[in-house]
Amino acid sequence: MALSSTHTDHPRRMDAIGDPPAHPTLVPADRYYSAAFAESEVQRMWPRVWQCACTVDHVAEPGDYFEYRCGPYSVLIVRGDDGVLRAFQNACRHRGNALCSGSGTALRELKCGYHGWTWDLAGTLTRIPNRKGFGAVRLSEFPLVPVRVDTWERLVFVNLDMSAMPLADYLEAVPGDIAWCGLGDFRCYATMTIDVEANWKTIADGYSETYHVQTLHPELHRCMDDVYAPQTIWGHTGKSESLYGVPSPRLADTLGDEDVWDAYVCTQGALMGVADGTPFPRDRQAPGQTVADVIACQIREFAAGRGVDISWASTDQVMCLHQYNIFPNMTVLASADHLTVMTSLPGPDPDRGQLVMTLMTRMPAQAPRTIPADVRMTAEDAHPGVVMSQDIAVLTGLQRGLHQPGFTHLVLSGEERRIINMHRHLERYLDLPESERVTEAAG
């Protein structure tokens, strides 16, 4: 794979805080649990933003379909007989019954299971049973209501607003910034949907800062630089970069290569095909090589074992995790051989939501198609690794704490500026009055 550019020349010594603000930023806590605020999001924000709904792997062949739900909204994504990807509001034009649920293959038509109204895969109404009962009715009057659909690499996005800006514009600088990684070479093998007792913003905030690593993730702290993790904000998108395979500069004790290796295997071992407890392969460490070099070499070998060549990737490209935030609810975690997409969705009330993990792996171009597994579970049943389990476990307590009468505002630092940025853009969509907006703490 030829590289036109990389991101190995960024100023590694730039910390996650950047230029410290004059004062902390205050975010009203009630926007995380207010029913009125959640309803305003449903009416003013969710129908107007591009949302990552699924992957091309879910809808790769004619007749494949996928239902995407966000709050009360349901979008049906269909690969037509002509190979064109389309999306529709998932509602029969007769009485509103949902046409499909979940995902599947080999769909030949869209037939309502209530009264039998039927559409072809392009959304054209083809049959109304007992049509004469409706008098003078033309089938052409009642096509399925279209939804905008587009793709970025192998990710499928939808937008209920047919006049929305193009997806390419919405993504801002993100595609160009990560183009070196070749995201189109990844394939989705599973989606994991986890029901949690927390607002969608509470979930999303956890993937928008590294401030919590030192406390919540002690194992990760021993193999990740959470200090010199530069952040960039382009508009309603942003990113951070964190180098793995090195101990945090915050640690007072000096860690040896074995310590860093053990921590990486404990938290990220699956990424290199190494089981927890595997000792550091000192015999494989060439003179002058760091533990990060050894880990990167193992990751390259693991990729080669499934027919994937990432010999082009430097240690930095293998070990640096690029974390992209795309408003309102999407985080992309990417490195040379790692791609996970995290989205958070509103639940039936403001205190409940869903965390959706789209799990992908780099595969050879000639690899046969596999239909992604769709796994759904409660937070209590979810155990997606050490770090993710810690992230999930803290959510219920976070949400409960937000309700306490003395807790009126979140107090955010410059290190949490991607969270602040999300709130400022949320305010723009909701057109909040000045009195309800994010403020700066008094000096």
Protein backbone atom coordinates (compact mmCIF):
# COMPACT_ATOMS: atom_id res chain seq x y z
CA MET A 1 0.00 0.00 0.00
CA ALA A 2 1.55 3.28 -1.10
CA LEU A 3 1.33 6.11 1.38
CA SER A 4 0.74 9.63 0.18
CA SER A 5 0.94 11.04 3.66
CA THR A 6 1.16 9.96 7.26
CA HIS A 7 0.57 11.48 10.62
CA THR A 8 3.82 10.46 12.20
CA ASP A 9 5.21 13.98 12.14
CA HIS A 10 2.75 15.51 14.57
CA PRO A 11 4.32 17.27 17.58
CA ARG A 12 4.38 14.34 19.99
CA ARG A 13 5.08 16.67 22.90
CA MET A 14 1.81 18.53 22.45
CA ASP A 15 -0.36 17.60 25.40
CA ALA A 16 -4.08 16.89 25.46
CA ILE A 17 -4.90 20.20 27.16
CA GLY A 18 -3.36 22.54 24.61
CA ASP A 19 -3.60 26.17 25.63
CA PRO A 20 -5.31 26.15 29.05
CA PRO A 21 -8.55 28.14 29.19
CA ALA A 22 -8.89 31.13 31.47
CA HIS A 23 -11.63 29.35 33.43
CA PRO A 24 -13.50 26.02 33.40
CA THR A 25 -16.49 25.57 31.11
CA LEU A 26 -19.90 24.96 32.70
CA VAL A 27 -22.46 22.73 30.95
CA PRO A 28 -26.01 22.59 32.39
CA ALA A 29 -26.51 19.12 33.86
CA ASP A 30 -30.22 18.94 33.10
CA ARG A 31 -29.60 18.54 29.38
CA TYR A 32 -28.50 14.98 30.27
CA TYR A 33 -31.82 14.02 31.89
CA SER A 34 -34.50 16.57 31.02
CA ALA A 35 -37.42 15.07 29.10
CA ALA A 36 -38.06 18.44 27.45
CA PHE A 37 -34.44 18.69 26.31
CA ALA A 38 -34.52 15.14 24.94
CA GLU A 39 -37.71 15.93 23.03
CA SER A 40 -36.07 19.02 21.58
CA GLU A 41 -33.20 16.81 20.37
CA VAL A 42 -35.72 14.45 18.76
CA GLN A 43 -37.50 17.29 16.98
CA ARG A 44 -34.63 19.59 16.05
CA MET A 45 -31.38 17.66 15.97
CA TRP A 46 -31.69 13.95 15.22
CA PRO A 47 -33.68 14.41 11.97
CA ARG A 48 -31.08 16.86 10.62
CA VAL A 49 -27.72 15.15 11.17
CA TRP A 50 -25.85 12.46 9.30
CA GLN A 51 -25.75 9.27 11.37
CA CYS A 52 -23.68 6.13 10.87
CA ALA A 53 -26.34 3.45 10.50
CA CYS A 54 -24.48 0.29 9.46
CA THR A 55 -21.71 -0.88 7.14
CA VAL A 56 -21.60 -1.86 3.48
CA ASP A 57 -21.09 -5.40 4.72
CA HIS A 58 -24.63 -5.37 6.12
CA VAL A 59 -26.14 -4.39 2.77
CA ALA A 60 -23.64 -5.67 0.21
CA GLU A 61 -25.91 -7.66 -2.13
CA PRO A 62 -29.28 -7.01 -3.84
CA GLY A 63 -32.05 -7.83 -1.40
CA ASP A 64 -29.97 -7.08 1.71
CA TYR A 65 -31.66 -4.77 4.21
CA PHE A 66 -30.91 -3.17 7.56
CA GLU A 67 -33.20 -1.28 9.92
CA TYR A 68 -31.59 1.65 11.74
CA ARG A 69 -33.38 3.06 14.79
CA CYS A 70 -32.65 6.30 16.58
CA GLY A 71 -35.19 7.23 19.24
CA PRO A 72 -38.62 7.19 17.55
CA TYR A 73 -37.12 7.18 14.07
CA SER A 74 -36.75 4.04 11.98
CA VAL A 75 -34.89 4.00 8.66
CA LEU A 76 -34.88 1.04 6.30
CA ILE A 77 -31.70 0.69 4.22
CA VAL A 78 -32.05 -1.58 1.18
CA ARG A 79 -29.76 -2.75 -1.61
CA GLY A 80 -31.96 -2.73 -4.71
CA ASP A 81 -32.14 -5.23 -7.54
CA ASP A 82 -30.13 -2.72 -9.56
CA GLY A 83 -27.37 -2.67 -6.95
CA VAL A 84 -28.25 0.86 -5.77
CA LEU A 85 -28.28 1.57 -2.05
CA ARG A 86 -31.47 3.34 -0.93
CA ALA A 87 -33.03 4.31 2.37
CA PHE A 88 -36.65 4.92 3.32
CA GLN A 89 -38.66 5.91 6.34
CA ASN A 90 -39.70 2.53 7.71
CA ALA A 91 -43.45 3.05 7.54
CA CYS A 92 -46.20 1.67 5.34
CA ARG A 93 -47.99 4.52 3.59
CA HIS A 94 -51.35 2.98 4.52
CA ARG A 95 -51.39 2.95 8.33
CA GLY A 96 -47.73 3.39 9.26
CA ASN A 97 -46.80 -0.18 10.14
CA ALA A 98 -43.03 -0.89 10.09
CA LEU A 99 -42.16 -2.84 6.96
CA CYS A 100 -39.03 -4.58 8.23
CA SER A 101 -37.13 -4.99 11.47
CA GLY A 102 -33.56 -6.05 12.16
CA SER A 103 -31.53 -7.08 9.14
CA GLY A 104 -31.61 -9.77 6.50
CA THR A 105 -30.91 -10.91 2.97
CA ALA A 106 -32.71 -12.06 -0.19
CA LEU A 107 -35.53 -9.53 0.10
CA ARG A 108 -37.58 -9.42 -3.10
CA GLU A 109 -40.18 -6.82 -2.16
CA LEU A 110 -41.29 -4.68 0.76
CA LYS A 111 -44.66 -6.02 1.87
CA CYS A 112 -46.51 -4.68 4.87
CA GLY A 113 -47.44 -7.52 7.19
CA TYR A 114 -50.63 -5.77 8.31
CA HIS A 115 -52.69 -5.21 5.15
CA GLY A 116 -50.36 -6.32 2.36
CA TRP A 117 -49.48 -3.04 0.66
CA THR A 118 -46.35 -3.85 -1.35
CA TRP A 119 -43.44 -1.85 -2.76
CA ASP A 120 -40.49 -2.88 -4.91
CA LEU A 121 -36.96 -2.41 -3.55
CA ALA A 122 -36.76 1.02 -5.21
CA GLY A 123 -39.68 2.20 -3.06
CA THR A 124 -42.37 2.19 -5.76
CA LEU A 125 -45.82 1.00 -4.67
CA THR A 126 -46.79 -2.04 -6.74
CA ARG A 127 -49.90 -3.44 -5.05
CA ILE A 128 -52.82 -2.38 -2.88
CA PRO A 129 -55.10 -5.31 -1.94
CA ASN A 130 -58.81 -4.57 -2.56
CA ARG A 131 -57.77 -1.42 -4.32
CA LYS A 132 -61.29 -0.48 -5.41
CA GLY A 133 -62.16 0.28 -1.80
CA PHE A 134 -59.97 3.36 -1.99
CA GLY A 135 -61.74 4.79 -5.02
CA ALA A 136 -59.57 6.66 -7.51
CA VAL A 137 -56.08 6.00 -6.19
CA ARG A 138 -52.86 5.94 -8.19
CA LEU A 139 -49.99 3.76 -7.03
CA SER A 140 -47.54 6.49 -8.02
CA GLU A 141 -49.02 8.76 -5.33
CA PHE A 142 -47.68 6.64 -2.45
CA PRO A 143 -44.01 5.73 -2.83
CA LEU A 144 -42.02 5.05 0.31
CA VAL A 145 -40.71 8.26 1.83
CA PRO A 146 -37.01 8.52 0.94
CA VAL A 147 -34.17 9.16 3.37
CA ARG A 148 -30.77 10.42 2.28
CA VAL A 149 -28.13 7.69 2.28
CA ASP A 150 -24.44 7.82 1.45
CA THR A 151 -21.23 6.01 2.28
CA TRP A 152 -17.80 6.92 3.54
CA GLU A 153 -15.49 4.02 2.77
CA ARG A 154 -17.48 1.04 4.14
CA LEU A 155 -19.63 3.01 6.57
CA VAL A 156 -23.26 3.72 5.61
CA PHE A 157 -24.79 7.01 6.76
CA VAL A 158 -28.40 8.22 6.70
CA ASN A 159 -30.04 11.62 7.14
CA LEU A 160 -33.79 12.20 7.41
CA ASP A 161 -33.31 15.73 6.03
CA MET A 162 -33.40 15.41 2.23
CA SER A 163 -31.94 18.92 1.90
CA ALA A 164 -29.00 18.26 4.23
CA MET A 165 -25.46 19.08 3.17
CA PRO A 166 -23.59 16.30 1.37
CA LEU A 167 -22.00 13.70 3.64
CA ALA A 168 -18.54 14.56 2.27
CA ASP A 169 -18.97 18.12 3.51
CA TYR A 170 -20.44 17.01 6.83
CA LEU A 171 -17.39 14.86 7.59
CA GLU A 172 -15.14 17.92 7.23
CA ALA A 173 -11.42 17.03 7.40
CA VAL A 174 -11.85 13.53 8.84
CA PRO A 175 -11.65 11.45 5.61
CA GLY A 176 -8.56 13.24 4.38
CA ASP A 177 -6.86 13.04 7.74
CA ILE A 178 -7.21 9.24 7.98
CA ALA A 179 -6.92 8.46 4.25
CA TRP A 180 -3.44 6.98 4.77
CA CYS A 181 -4.98 4.15 6.79
CA GLY A 182 -7.10 2.72 3.97
CA LEU A 183 -10.36 2.25 5.90
CA GLY A 184 -11.94 0.69 2.82
CA ASP A 185 -9.83 -2.42 3.38
CA PHE A 186 -11.65 -3.20 6.63
CA ARG A 187 -14.69 -5.48 6.88
CA CYS A 188 -17.32 -5.56 9.58
CA TYR A 189 -17.60 -8.87 11.39
CA ALA A 190 -20.02 -7.88 14.18
CA THR A 191 -22.10 -5.15 15.73
CA MET A 192 -22.63 -5.16 19.47
CA THR A 193 -25.58 -3.16 20.82
CA ILE A 194 -25.54 -2.67 24.58
CA ASP A 195 -28.47 -1.25 26.56
CA VAL A 196 -27.24 1.08 29.28
CA GLU A 197 -28.90 3.17 31.96
CA ALA A 198 -27.42 6.44 30.77
CA ASN A 199 -28.16 9.29 28.41
CA TRP A 200 -26.64 9.04 24.93
CA LYS A 201 -24.43 12.05 25.74
CA THR A 202 -23.16 10.42 28.92
CA ILE A 203 -22.09 7.47 26.77
CA ALA A 204 -20.52 9.60 24.04
CA ASP A 205 -18.57 11.78 26.48
CA GLY A 206 -16.51 8.78 27.56
CA TYR A 207 -15.02 8.57 24.06
CA SER A 208 -14.25 12.26 23.81
CA GLU A 209 -11.45 12.70 26.33
CA THR A 210 -8.43 10.92 27.82
CA TYR A 211 -8.68 12.69 31.19
CA HIS A 212 -10.32 9.63 32.78
CA VAL A 213 -7.64 7.12 31.75
CA GLN A 214 -5.41 7.72 34.79
CA THR A 215 -8.23 6.81 37.19
CA LEU A 216 -10.70 4.53 35.43
CA HIS A 217 -8.20 2.49 33.38
CA PRO A 218 -5.15 1.68 35.56
CA GLU A 219 -4.10 -1.17 33.26
CA LEU A 220 -4.32 1.02 30.16
CA HIS A 221 -2.47 3.77 31.97
CA ARG A 222 0.60 1.53 32.04
CA CYS A 223 0.77 1.20 28.24
CA MET A 224 -0.67 4.44 26.83
CA ASP A 225 0.47 8.04 26.70
CA ASP A 226 -2.57 9.95 27.92
CA VAL A 227 -0.63 13.18 28.47
CA TYR A 228 0.93 13.95 25.09
CA ALA A 229 -2.25 13.17 23.19
CA PRO A 230 -2.78 16.13 20.86
CA GLN A 231 -6.33 17.15 19.99
CA THR A 232 -7.67 18.93 16.92
CA ILE A 233 -11.11 20.43 16.32
CA TRP A 234 -12.17 21.26 12.76
CA GLY A 235 -15.81 22.25 13.30
CA HIS A 236 -18.38 19.73 14.44
CA THR A 237 -15.69 17.05 14.08
CA GLY A 238 -12.42 16.57 15.92
CA LYS A 239 -9.79 14.05 16.89
CA SER A 240 -7.13 13.03 19.37
CA GLU A 241 -4.04 10.87 18.92
CA SER A 242 -2.73 8.57 21.63
CA LEU A 243 0.44 6.50 21.42
CA TYR A 244 0.25 2.96 22.81
CA GLY A 245 3.09 0.71 23.88
CA VAL A 246 4.54 3.35 26.19
CA PRO A 247 3.73 4.07 29.85
CA SER A 248 1.88 7.22 30.81
CA PRO A 249 4.22 10.10 31.73
CA ARG A 250 1.99 10.60 34.78
CA LEU A 251 3.33 7.43 36.41
CA ALA A 252 5.85 8.07 39.15
CA ASP A 253 7.45 4.63 38.90
CA THR A 254 9.60 3.63 35.95
CA LEU A 255 8.12 0.67 34.10
CA GLY A 256 10.19 -1.94 32.33
CA ASP A 257 9.42 -3.40 28.92
CA GLU A 258 7.84 -6.43 30.58
CA ASP A 259 5.44 -4.20 32.54
CA VAL A 260 4.34 -2.30 29.44
CA TRP A 261 3.97 -5.54 27.46
CA ASP A 262 1.84 -7.14 30.21
CA ALA A 263 -0.44 -4.10 30.37
CA TYR A 264 -0.85 -4.00 26.60
CA VAL A 265 -1.61 -7.72 26.41
CA CYS A 266 -4.14 -7.35 29.23
CA THR A 267 -5.98 -4.48 27.53
CA GLN A 268 -5.28 -4.92 23.82
CA GLY A 269 -3.98 -8.45 23.38
CA ALA A 270 -6.73 -9.43 20.96
CA LEU A 271 -5.41 -6.86 18.49
CA MET A 272 -2.21 -8.85 18.11
CA GLY A 273 -3.51 -12.35 18.71
CA VAL A 274 -1.74 -12.81 22.04
CA ALA A 275 -3.45 -14.36 25.06
CA ASP A 276 -3.44 -12.67 28.46
CA GLY A 277 -0.48 -13.82 30.53
CA THR A 278 1.86 -14.36 27.57
CA PRO A 279 5.34 -13.29 28.73
CA PHE A 280 7.33 -10.59 26.98
CA PRO A 281 9.32 -12.15 24.09
CA ARG A 282 12.67 -10.72 25.07
CA ASP A 283 14.41 -12.96 22.54
CA ARG A 284 12.56 -11.18 19.72
CA GLN A 285 13.67 -7.70 20.75
CA ALA A 286 16.50 -6.54 18.48
CA PRO A 287 19.11 -4.11 19.80
CA GLY A 288 17.69 -0.60 19.90
CA GLN A 289 14.07 -1.76 19.63
CA THR A 290 11.47 -0.49 22.08
CA VAL A 291 8.67 -2.57 23.50
CA ALA A 292 6.36 -0.66 21.12
CA ASP A 293 8.47 -1.93 18.20
CA VAL A 294 8.05 -5.50 19.44
CA ILE A 295 4.29 -5.10 19.82
CA ALA A 296 4.02 -3.53 16.36
CA CYS A 297 5.99 -6.44 14.88
CA GLN A 298 3.61 -8.91 16.51
CA ILE A 299 0.59 -7.00 15.14
CA ARG A 300 2.07 -7.11 11.63
CA GLU A 301 2.60 -10.86 11.95
CA PHE A 302 -0.93 -11.35 13.24
CA ALA A 303 -2.27 -9.45 10.22
CA ALA A 304 -0.10 -11.50 7.85
CA GLY A 305 -1.62 -14.66 9.29
CA ARG A 306 -4.98 -13.69 7.83
CA GLY A 307 -3.50 -12.62 4.52
CA VAL A 308 -3.14 -8.90 5.27
CA ASP A 309 0.09 -7.03 4.53
CA ILE A 310 0.72 -4.02 6.74
CA SER A 311 4.48 -4.07 6.35
CA TRP A 312 4.10 -0.53 5.04
CA ALA A 313 3.08 0.70 8.49
CA SER A 314 5.67 2.20 10.81
CA THR A 315 5.60 1.50 14.53
CA ASP A 316 3.91 4.85 15.05
CA GLN A 317 1.21 4.08 12.50
CA VAL A 318 0.55 0.72 14.13
CA MET A 319 0.66 1.96 17.73
CA CYS A 320 -0.91 5.42 17.48
CA LEU A 321 -4.68 5.33 17.97
CA HIS A 322 -6.51 8.02 16.01
CA GLN A 323 -9.80 8.82 17.69
CA TYR A 324 -12.25 10.86 15.60
CA ASN A 325 -15.42 12.46 16.91
CA ILE A 326 -18.20 13.22 14.43
CA PHE A 327 -21.18 15.16 15.74
CA PRO A 328 -23.36 14.19 17.38
CA ASN A 329 -22.78 10.61 18.48
CA MET A 330 -19.99 8.90 16.55
CA THR A 331 -16.42 8.01 17.43
CA VAL A 332 -14.02 6.25 15.05
CA LEU A 333 -11.03 4.46 16.58
CA ALA A 334 -8.42 3.70 13.93
CA SER A 335 -4.82 2.62 13.51
CA ALA A 336 -3.00 0.62 10.83
CA ASP A 337 -4.74 -2.64 11.79
CA HIS A 338 -7.62 -1.55 14.01
CA LEU A 339 -11.00 -0.02 13.27
CA THR A 340 -13.91 0.23 15.69
CA VAL A 341 -16.84 2.61 15.32
CA MET A 342 -18.70 3.66 18.46
CA THR A 343 -22.10 5.29 18.35
CA SER A 344 -24.46 6.21 21.16
CA LEU A 345 -28.22 6.33 20.68
CA PRO A 346 -31.11 7.74 22.72
CA GLY A 347 -33.24 5.25 24.60
CA PRO A 348 -36.93 5.25 25.57
CA ASP A 349 -36.29 7.98 28.14
CA PRO A 350 -33.42 10.42 28.81
CA ASP A 351 -31.86 8.13 31.43
CA ARG A 352 -31.46 5.22 29.03
CA GLY A 353 -29.48 4.78 25.86
CA GLN A 354 -27.57 2.35 23.71
CA LEU A 355 -23.90 1.92 22.98
CA VAL A 356 -23.32 0.40 19.54
CA MET A 357 -19.88 -1.01 18.75
CA THR A 358 -19.23 -1.73 15.08
CA LEU A 359 -16.28 -4.12 15.03
CA MET A 360 -14.13 -4.30 11.91
CA THR A 361 -10.94 -6.01 10.81
CA ARG A 362 -8.66 -5.46 7.84
CA MET A 363 -9.14 -8.24 5.27
CA PRO A 364 -7.64 -9.18 1.90
CA ALA A 365 -9.54 -7.71 -1.03
CA GLN A 366 -10.42 -11.18 -2.33
CA ALA A 367 -11.84 -12.38 0.99
CA PRO A 368 -15.39 -13.78 0.65
CA ARG A 369 -18.23 -11.81 2.14
CA THR A 370 -19.35 -12.66 5.64
CA ILE A 371 -22.59 -11.28 7.05
CA PRO A 372 -21.86 -9.38 10.27
CA ALA A 373 -23.17 -10.91 13.48
CA ASP A 374 -25.72 -8.74 15.31
CA VAL A 375 -25.31 -9.11 19.08
CA ARG A 376 -27.60 -7.33 21.55
CA MET A 377 -27.33 -7.41 25.33
CA THR A 378 -27.69 -5.52 28.58
CA ALA A 379 -24.81 -3.72 30.25
CA GLU A 380 -24.72 -6.43 32.93
CA ASP A 381 -24.16 -9.12 30.31
CA ALA A 382 -21.64 -7.18 28.22
CA HIS A 383 -17.95 -7.98 28.68
CA PRO A 384 -16.19 -6.46 25.65
CA GLY A 385 -12.70 -6.46 27.13
CA VAL A 386 -11.09 -4.88 30.18
CA VAL A 387 -11.16 -1.23 29.08
CA MET A 388 -14.61 -1.19 27.49
CA SER A 389 -16.10 -3.03 30.49
CA GLN A 390 -14.69 -0.33 32.77
CA ASP A 391 -16.19 2.37 30.54
CA ILE A 392 -19.61 0.72 30.63
CA ALA A 393 -19.56 0.01 34.38
CA VAL A 394 -19.18 3.69 35.28
CA LEU A 395 -22.17 4.90 33.22
CA THR A 396 -25.02 4.14 35.63
CA GLY A 397 -23.34 5.99 38.49
CA LEU A 398 -22.58 8.91 36.21
CA GLN A 399 -26.19 9.21 35.12
CA ARG A 400 -27.49 8.95 38.68
CA GLY A 401 -25.08 11.62 39.88
CA LEU A 402 -26.28 14.07 37.25
CA HIS A 403 -29.73 14.09 38.91
CA GLN A 404 -28.52 15.22 42.34
CA PRO A 405 -30.03 18.60 43.30
CA GLY A 406 -26.68 20.17 44.14
CA PHE A 407 -25.13 19.15 40.83
CA THR A 408 -26.21 21.91 38.46
CA HIS A 409 -23.37 21.94 35.92
CA LEU A 410 -20.60 19.78 34.52
CA VAL A 411 -17.26 21.53 35.10
CA LEU A 412 -15.06 20.83 32.06
CA SER A 413 -11.39 21.44 31.34
CA GLY A 414 -9.46 22.12 28.17
CA GLU A 415 -8.65 18.41 28.10
CA GLU A 416 -12.41 17.82 27.64
CA ARG A 417 -12.83 20.32 24.84
CA ARG A 418 -14.25 17.80 22.38
CA ILE A 419 -17.18 17.41 24.80
CA ILE A 420 -17.53 21.17 25.00
CA ASN A 421 -17.45 21.36 21.21
CA MET A 422 -20.25 18.79 20.94
CA HIS A 423 -22.42 20.85 23.30
CA ARG A 424 -21.84 24.08 21.40
CA HIS A 425 -22.98 22.46 18.17
CA LEU A 426 -25.94 20.85 19.93
CA GLU A 427 -26.96 24.32 21.09
CA ARG A 428 -26.82 25.52 17.51
CA TYR A 429 -29.17 22.78 16.29
CA LEU A 430 -31.58 23.33 19.17
CA ASP A 431 -31.37 27.15 18.89
CA LEU A 432 -31.08 27.51 22.65
CA PRO A 433 -31.46 30.94 24.25
CA GLU A 434 -28.31 32.46 25.71
CA SER A 435 -29.48 31.73 29.26
CA GLU A 436 -29.43 27.97 28.58
CA ARG A 437 -26.07 27.78 26.83
CA VAL A 438 -22.65 26.67 27.93
CA THR A 439 -20.89 29.32 29.99
CA GLU A 440 -17.47 30.03 31.43
CA ALA A 441 -17.04 29.83 35.20
CA ALA A 442 -16.56 33.13 36.94
CA GLY A 443 -13.00 34.00 37.78
